Amino acid sequence: MGKIKTHKASAKRYSVTGTGKVKVFHSDHRHNLGQKDRKRKRHLRSSQILSPAMTATVKRLINKD
């Protein structure tokens, strides 16, 4: 039987924590930073935990069951 390939684009964006949650970094922190206020840029630097509804989908893409 064939193996399931990892979706490489998703593997670069998401990581799985030790407890099985999916961690993702915020978008919109790449360019046009002069227009965004300091508080918004500070919050975009941190990571966030993906919602439980999306967790199962992303884990299937990156083969972390």
PDB file of N, CA and C in Angstrom:
ATOM      1  N   MET A   1       0.840  -1.184   0.000  1.00  0.00           N
ATOM      2  CA  MET A   1       0.000   0.000   0.000  1.00  0.00           C
ATOM      3  C   MET A   1       0.886   1.249   0.000  1.00  0.00           C
ATOM      4  N   GLY A   2       0.431   2.273  -0.687  1.00  0.00           N
ATOM      5  CA  GLY A   2       1.212   3.495  -0.803  1.00  0.00           C
ATOM      6  C   GLY A   2       1.232   4.290   0.486  1.00  0.00           C
ATOM      7  N   LYS A   3       2.201   5.161   0.583  1.00  0.00           N
ATOM      8  CA  LYS A   3       2.323   6.021   1.765  1.00  0.00           C
ATOM      9  C   LYS A   3       1.651   7.362   1.495  1.00  0.00           C
ATOM     10  N   ILE A   4       1.268   8.030   2.568  1.00  0.00           N
ATOM     11  CA  ILE A   4       0.671   9.353   2.465  1.00  0.00           C
ATOM     12  C   ILE A   4       1.791  10.385   2.489  1.00  0.00           C
ATOM     13  N   LYS A   5       1.811  11.261   1.504  1.00  0.00           N
ATOM     14  CA  LYS A   5       2.856  12.280   1.445  1.00  0.00           C
ATOM     15  C   LYS A   5       2.478  13.472   2.317  1.00  0.00           C
ATOM     16  N   THR A   6       3.483  14.093   2.890  1.00  0.00           N
ATOM     17  CA  THR A   6       3.301  15.303   3.683  1.00  0.00           C
ATOM     18  C   THR A   6       3.056  16.477   2.750  1.00  0.00           C
ATOM     19  N   HIS A   7       2.082  17.315   3.085  1.00  0.00           N
ATOM     20  CA  HIS A   7       1.846  18.544   2.332  1.00  0.00           C
ATOM     21  C   HIS A   7       2.884  19.556   2.796  1.00  0.00           C
ATOM     22  N   LYS A   8       3.902  19.776   1.974  1.00  0.00           N
ATOM     23  CA  LYS A   8       5.086  20.521   2.402  1.00  0.00           C
ATOM     24  C   LYS A   8       4.778  21.993   2.709  1.00  0.00           C
ATOM     25  N   ALA A   9       3.866  22.600   1.977  1.00  0.00           N
ATOM     26  CA  ALA A   9       3.520  23.999   2.244  1.00  0.00           C
ATOM     27  C   ALA A   9       2.897  24.135   3.625  1.00  0.00           C
ATOM     28  N   SER A  10       2.076  23.171   4.004  1.00  0.00           N
ATOM     29  CA  SER A  10       1.453  23.204   5.332  1.00  0.00           C
ATOM     30  C   SER A  10       2.470  22.871   6.423  1.00  0.00           C
ATOM     31  N   ALA A  11       3.394  21.972   6.136  1.00  0.00           N
ATOM     32  CA  ALA A  11       4.389  21.578   7.131  1.00  0.00           C
ATOM     33  C   ALA A  11       5.294  22.746   7.509  1.00  0.00           C
ATOM     34  N   LYS A  12       5.500  23.686   6.569  1.00  0.00           N
ATOM     35  CA  LYS A  12       6.334  24.842   6.863  1.00  0.00           C
ATOM     36  C   LYS A  12       5.604  25.882   7.694  1.00  0.00           C
ATOM     37  N   ARG A  13       4.272  25.870   7.668  1.00  0.00           N
ATOM     38  CA  ARG A  13       3.494  26.894   8.342  1.00  0.00           C
ATOM     39  C   ARG A  13       2.983  26.477   9.710  1.00  0.00           C
ATOM     40  N   TYR A  14       2.788  25.199   9.911  1.00  0.00           N
ATOM     41  CA  TYR A  14       2.201  24.699  11.146  1.00  0.00           C
ATOM     42  C   TYR A  14       3.191  23.795  11.866  1.00  0.00           C
ATOM     43  N   SER A  15       3.105  23.783  13.199  1.00  0.00           N
ATOM     44  CA  SER A  15       3.883  22.827  13.988  1.00  0.00           C
ATOM     45  C   SER A  15       2.986  22.296  15.098  1.00  0.00           C
ATOM     46  N   VAL A  16       3.261  21.085  15.519  1.00  0.00           N
ATOM     47  CA  VAL A  16       2.440  20.429  16.526  1.00  0.00           C
ATOM     48  C   VAL A  16       3.183  20.467  17.849  1.00  0.00           C
ATOM     49  N   THR A  17       2.498  20.893  18.905  1.00  0.00           N
ATOM     50  CA  THR A  17       3.107  20.968  20.224  1.00  0.00           C
ATOM     51  C   THR A  17       3.151  19.580  20.858  1.00  0.00           C
ATOM     52  N   GLY A  18       3.752  19.494  22.010  1.00  0.00           N
ATOM     53  CA  GLY A  18       3.853  18.209  22.695  1.00  0.00           C
ATOM     54  C   GLY A  18       2.516  17.654  23.141  1.00  0.00           C
ATOM     55  N   THR A  19       1.562  18.525  23.380  1.00  0.00           N
ATOM     56  CA  THR A  19       0.230  18.075  23.815  1.00  0.00           C
ATOM     57  C   THR A  19      -0.703  17.823  22.646  1.00  0.00           C
ATOM     58  N   GLY A  20      -0.220  18.022  21.413  1.00  0.00           N
ATOM     59  CA  GLY A  20      -1.031  17.704  20.244  1.00  0.00           C
ATOM     60  C   GLY A  20      -1.768  18.884  19.649  1.00  0.00           C
ATOM     61  N   LYS A  21      -1.558  20.073  20.184  1.00  0.00           N
ATOM     62  CA  LYS A  21      -2.196  21.252  19.595  1.00  0.00           C
ATOM     63  C   LYS A  21      -1.367  21.730  18.409  1.00  0.00           C
ATOM     64  N   VAL A  22      -2.020  22.435  17.502  1.00  0.00           N
ATOM     65  CA  VAL A  22      -1.334  22.930  16.306  1.00  0.00           C
ATOM     66  C   VAL A  22      -1.042  24.406  16.496  1.00  0.00           C
ATOM     67  N   LYS A  23       0.240  24.772  16.335  1.00  0.00           N
ATOM     68  CA  LYS A  23       0.674  26.142  16.529  1.00  0.00           C
ATOM     69  C   LYS A  23       0.932  26.777  15.170  1.00  0.00           C
ATOM     70  N   VAL A  24       0.502  28.037  15.030  1.00  0.00           N
ATOM     71  CA  VAL A  24       0.674  28.764  13.774  1.00  0.00           C
ATOM     72  C   VAL A  24       1.011  30.203  14.098  1.00  0.00           C
ATOM     73  N   PHE A  25       1.859  30.816  13.263  1.00  0.00           N
ATOM     74  CA  PHE A  25       2.194  32.220  13.452  1.00  0.00           C
ATOM     75  C   PHE A  25       1.221  33.091  12.674  1.00  0.00           C
ATOM     76  N   HIS A  26       1.019  34.308  13.155  1.00  0.00           N
ATOM     77  CA  HIS A  26       0.088  35.227  12.525  1.00  0.00           C
ATOM     78  C   HIS A  26       0.590  35.658  11.147  1.00  0.00           C
ATOM     79  N   SER A  27      -0.337  35.992  10.286  1.00  0.00           N
ATOM     80  CA  SER A  27       0.012  36.582   8.999  1.00  0.00           C
ATOM     81  C   SER A  27       0.024  38.104   9.140  1.00  0.00           C
ATOM     82  N   ASP A  28       0.210  38.799   8.037  1.00  0.00           N
ATOM     83  CA  ASP A  28       0.183  40.271   7.979  1.00  0.00           C
ATOM     84  C   ASP A  28       1.326  40.927   8.753  1.00  0.00           C
ATOM     85  N   HIS A  29       2.464  40.260   8.852  1.00  0.00           N
ATOM     86  CA  HIS A  29       3.601  40.870   9.540  1.00  0.00           C
ATOM     87  C   HIS A  29       4.826  40.826   8.630  1.00  0.00           C
ATOM     88  N   ARG A  30       4.624  41.109   7.350  1.00  0.00           N
ATOM     89  CA  ARG A  30       5.676  40.932   6.372  1.00  0.00           C
ATOM     90  C   ARG A  30       6.072  42.244   5.705  1.00  0.00           C
ATOM     91  N   HIS A  31       5.076  43.042   5.311  1.00  0.00           N
ATOM     92  CA  HIS A  31       5.364  44.310   4.638  1.00  0.00           C
ATOM     93  C   HIS A  31       4.260  45.298   5.002  1.00  0.00           C
ATOM     94  N   ASN A  32       4.434  46.540   4.566  1.00  0.00           N
ATOM     95  CA  ASN A  32       3.520  47.635   4.913  1.00  0.00           C
ATOM     96  C   ASN A  32       3.391  47.796   6.423  1.00  0.00           C
ATOM     97  N   LEU A  33       4.519  47.669   7.120  1.00  0.00           N
ATOM     98  CA  LEU A  33       4.472  47.728   8.578  1.00  0.00           C
ATOM     99  C   LEU A  33       4.384  49.151   9.099  1.00  0.00           C
ATOM    100  N   GLY A  34       4.667  50.121   8.243  1.00  0.00           N
ATOM    101  CA  GLY A  34       4.577  51.501   8.671  1.00  0.00           C
ATOM    102  C   GLY A  34       3.148  51.958   8.902  1.00  0.00           C
ATOM    103  N   GLN A  35       2.197  51.283   8.290  1.00  0.00           N
ATOM    104  CA  GLN A  35       0.790  51.654   8.437  1.00  0.00           C
ATOM    105  C   GLN A  35       0.152  51.030   9.666  1.00  0.00           C
ATOM    106  N   LYS A  36       0.745  49.990  10.158  1.00  0.00           N
ATOM    107  CA  LYS A  36       0.155  49.271  11.291  1.00  0.00           C
ATOM    108  C   LYS A  36       0.692  49.837  12.597  1.00  0.00           C
ATOM    109  N   ASP A  37      -0.174  49.934  13.588  1.00  0.00           N
ATOM    110  CA  ASP A  37       0.279  50.521  14.845  1.00  0.00           C
ATOM    111  C   ASP A  37       1.101  49.521  15.641  1.00  0.00           C
ATOM    112  N   ARG A  38       1.771  50.038  16.648  1.00  0.00           N
ATOM    113  CA  ARG A  38       2.743  49.260  17.410  1.00  0.00           C
ATOM    114  C   ARG A  38       2.102  48.065  18.103  1.00  0.00           C
ATOM    115  N   LYS A  39       0.924  48.278  18.641  1.00  0.00           N
ATOM    116  CA  LYS A  39       0.240  47.197  19.357  1.00  0.00           C
ATOM    117  C   LYS A  39      -0.109  46.047  18.418  1.00  0.00           C
ATOM    118  N   ARG A  40      -0.577  46.378  17.229  1.00  0.00           N
ATOM    119  CA  ARG A  40      -0.950  45.344  16.274  1.00  0.00           C
ATOM    120  C   ARG A  40       0.265  44.533  15.844  1.00  0.00           C
ATOM    121  N   LYS A  41       1.391  45.219  15.594  1.00  0.00           N
ATOM    122  CA  LYS A  41       2.603  44.506  15.183  1.00  0.00           C
ATOM    123  C   LYS A  41       3.142  43.634  16.308  1.00  0.00           C
ATOM    124  N   ARG A  42       3.034  44.099  17.534  1.00  0.00           N
ATOM    125  CA  ARG A  42       3.502  43.323  18.685  1.00  0.00           C
ATOM    126  C   ARG A  42       2.700  42.043  18.835  1.00  0.00           C
ATOM    127  N   HIS A  43       1.392  42.131  18.643  1.00  0.00           N
ATOM    128  CA  HIS A  43       0.553  40.937  18.774  1.00  0.00           C
ATOM    129  C   HIS A  43       0.751  39.972  17.597  1.00  0.00           C
ATOM    130  N   LEU A  44       1.086  40.500  16.445  1.00  0.00           N
ATOM    131  CA  LEU A  44       1.311  39.637  15.288  1.00  0.00           C
ATOM    132  C   LEU A  44       2.609  38.854  15.392  1.00  0.00           C
ATOM    133  N   ARG A  45       3.555  39.317  16.239  1.00  0.00           N
ATOM    134  CA  ARG A  45       4.824  38.599  16.401  1.00  0.00           C
ATOM    135  C   ARG A  45       4.643  37.234  17.069  1.00  0.00           C
ATOM    136  N   SER A  46       3.664  37.123  17.934  1.00  0.00           N
ATOM    137  CA  SER A  46       3.495  35.893  18.700  1.00  0.00           C
ATOM    138  C   SER A  46       2.787  34.824  17.867  1.00  0.00           C
ATOM    139  N   SER A  47       2.768  33.626  18.369  1.00  0.00           N
ATOM    140  CA  SER A  47       2.069  32.539  17.700  1.00  0.00           C
ATOM    141  C   SER A  47       0.696  32.359  18.336  1.00  0.00           C
ATOM    142  N   GLN A  48      -0.122  31.539  17.695  1.00  0.00           N
ATOM    143  CA  GLN A  48      -1.424  31.243  18.263  1.00  0.00           C
ATOM    144  C   GLN A  48      -1.713  29.759  18.084  1.00  0.00           C
ATOM    145  N   ILE A  49      -2.644  29.254  18.871  1.00  0.00           N
ATOM    146  CA  ILE A  49      -3.074  27.860  18.766  1.00  0.00           C
ATOM    147  C   ILE A  49      -4.256  27.801  17.816  1.00  0.00           C
ATOM    148  N   LEU A  50      -4.204  26.866  16.901  1.00  0.00           N
ATOM    149  CA  LEU A  50      -5.256  26.729  15.912  1.00  0.00           C
ATOM    150  C   LEU A  50      -6.536  26.221  16.572  1.00  0.00           C
ATOM    151  N   SER A  51      -7.670  26.581  16.010  1.00  0.00           N
ATOM    152  CA  SER A  51      -8.955  26.168  16.572  1.00  0.00           C
ATOM    153  C   SER A  51      -9.116  24.649  16.453  1.00  0.00           C
ATOM    154  N   PRO A  52      -9.880  24.051  17.356  1.00  0.00           N
ATOM    155  CA  PRO A  52     -10.064  22.585  17.294  1.00  0.00           C
ATOM    156  C   PRO A  52     -10.699  22.116  15.991  1.00  0.00           C
ATOM    157  N   ALA A  53     -11.505  22.955  15.365  1.00  0.00           N
ATOM    158  CA  ALA A  53     -12.142  22.560  14.108  1.00  0.00           C
ATOM    159  C   ALA A  53     -11.120  22.404  12.989  1.00  0.00           C
ATOM    160  N   MET A  54     -10.088  23.247  12.993  1.00  0.00           N
ATOM    161  CA  MET A  54      -9.070  23.187  11.946  1.00  0.00           C
ATOM    162  C   MET A  54      -7.939  22.223  12.274  1.00  0.00           C
ATOM    163  N   THR A  55      -7.806  21.855  13.545  1.00  0.00           N
ATOM    164  CA  THR A  55      -6.677  21.032  13.973  1.00  0.00           C
ATOM    165  C   THR A  55      -6.650  19.684  13.269  1.00  0.00           C
ATOM    166  N   ALA A  56      -7.798  19.043  13.162  1.00  0.00           N
ATOM    167  CA  ALA A  56      -7.841  17.718  12.538  1.00  0.00           C
ATOM    168  C   ALA A  56      -7.450  17.787  11.072  1.00  0.00           C
ATOM    169  N   THR A  57      -7.869  18.818  10.369  1.00  0.00           N
ATOM    170  CA  THR A  57      -7.537  18.972   8.958  1.00  0.00           C
ATOM    171  C   THR A  57      -6.041  19.173   8.756  1.00  0.00           C
ATOM    172  N   VAL A  58      -5.452  20.051   9.568  1.00  0.00           N
ATOM    173  CA  VAL A  58      -4.024  20.347   9.411  1.00  0.00           C
ATOM    174  C   VAL A  58      -3.177  19.144   9.808  1.00  0.00           C
ATOM    175  N   LYS A  59      -3.563  18.436  10.855  1.00  0.00           N
ATOM    176  CA  LYS A  59      -2.791  17.252  11.260  1.00  0.00           C
ATOM    177  C   LYS A  59      -2.805  16.194  10.157  1.00  0.00           C
ATOM    178  N   ARG A  60      -3.913  16.086   9.436  1.00  0.00           N
ATOM    179  CA  ARG A  60      -3.973  15.129   8.345  1.00  0.00           C
ATOM    180  C   ARG A  60      -3.041  15.551   7.211  1.00  0.00           C
ATOM    181  N   LEU A  61      -2.930  16.849   6.972  1.00  0.00           N
ATOM    182  CA  LEU A  61      -2.056  17.329   5.910  1.00  0.00           C
ATOM    183  C   LEU A  61      -0.581  17.109   6.223  1.00  0.00           C
ATOM    184  N   ILE A  62      -0.217  17.274   7.498  1.00  0.00           N
ATOM    185  CA  ILE A  62       1.206  17.164   7.842  1.00  0.00           C
ATOM    186  C   ILE A  62       1.556  15.829   8.499  1.00  0.00           C
ATOM    187  N   ASN A  63       0.610  14.887   8.466  1.00  0.00           N
ATOM    188  CA  ASN A  63       0.823  13.513   8.938  1.00  0.00           C
ATOM    189  C   ASN A  63       1.255  13.441  10.389  1.00  0.00           C
ATOM    190  N   LYS A  64       0.589  14.195  11.264  1.00  0.00           N
ATOM    191  CA  LYS A  64       0.861  14.154  12.687  1.00  0.00           C
ATOM    192  C   LYS A  64      -0.410  13.741  13.414  1.00  0.00           C
ATOM    193  N   ASP A  65      -0.683  12.458  13.435  1.00  0.00           N
ATOM    194  CA  ASP A  65      -1.926  11.963  14.057  1.00  0.00           C
ATOM    195  C   ASP A  65      -1.786  11.668  15.523  1.00  0.00           C
TER     196      ASP A  65
END
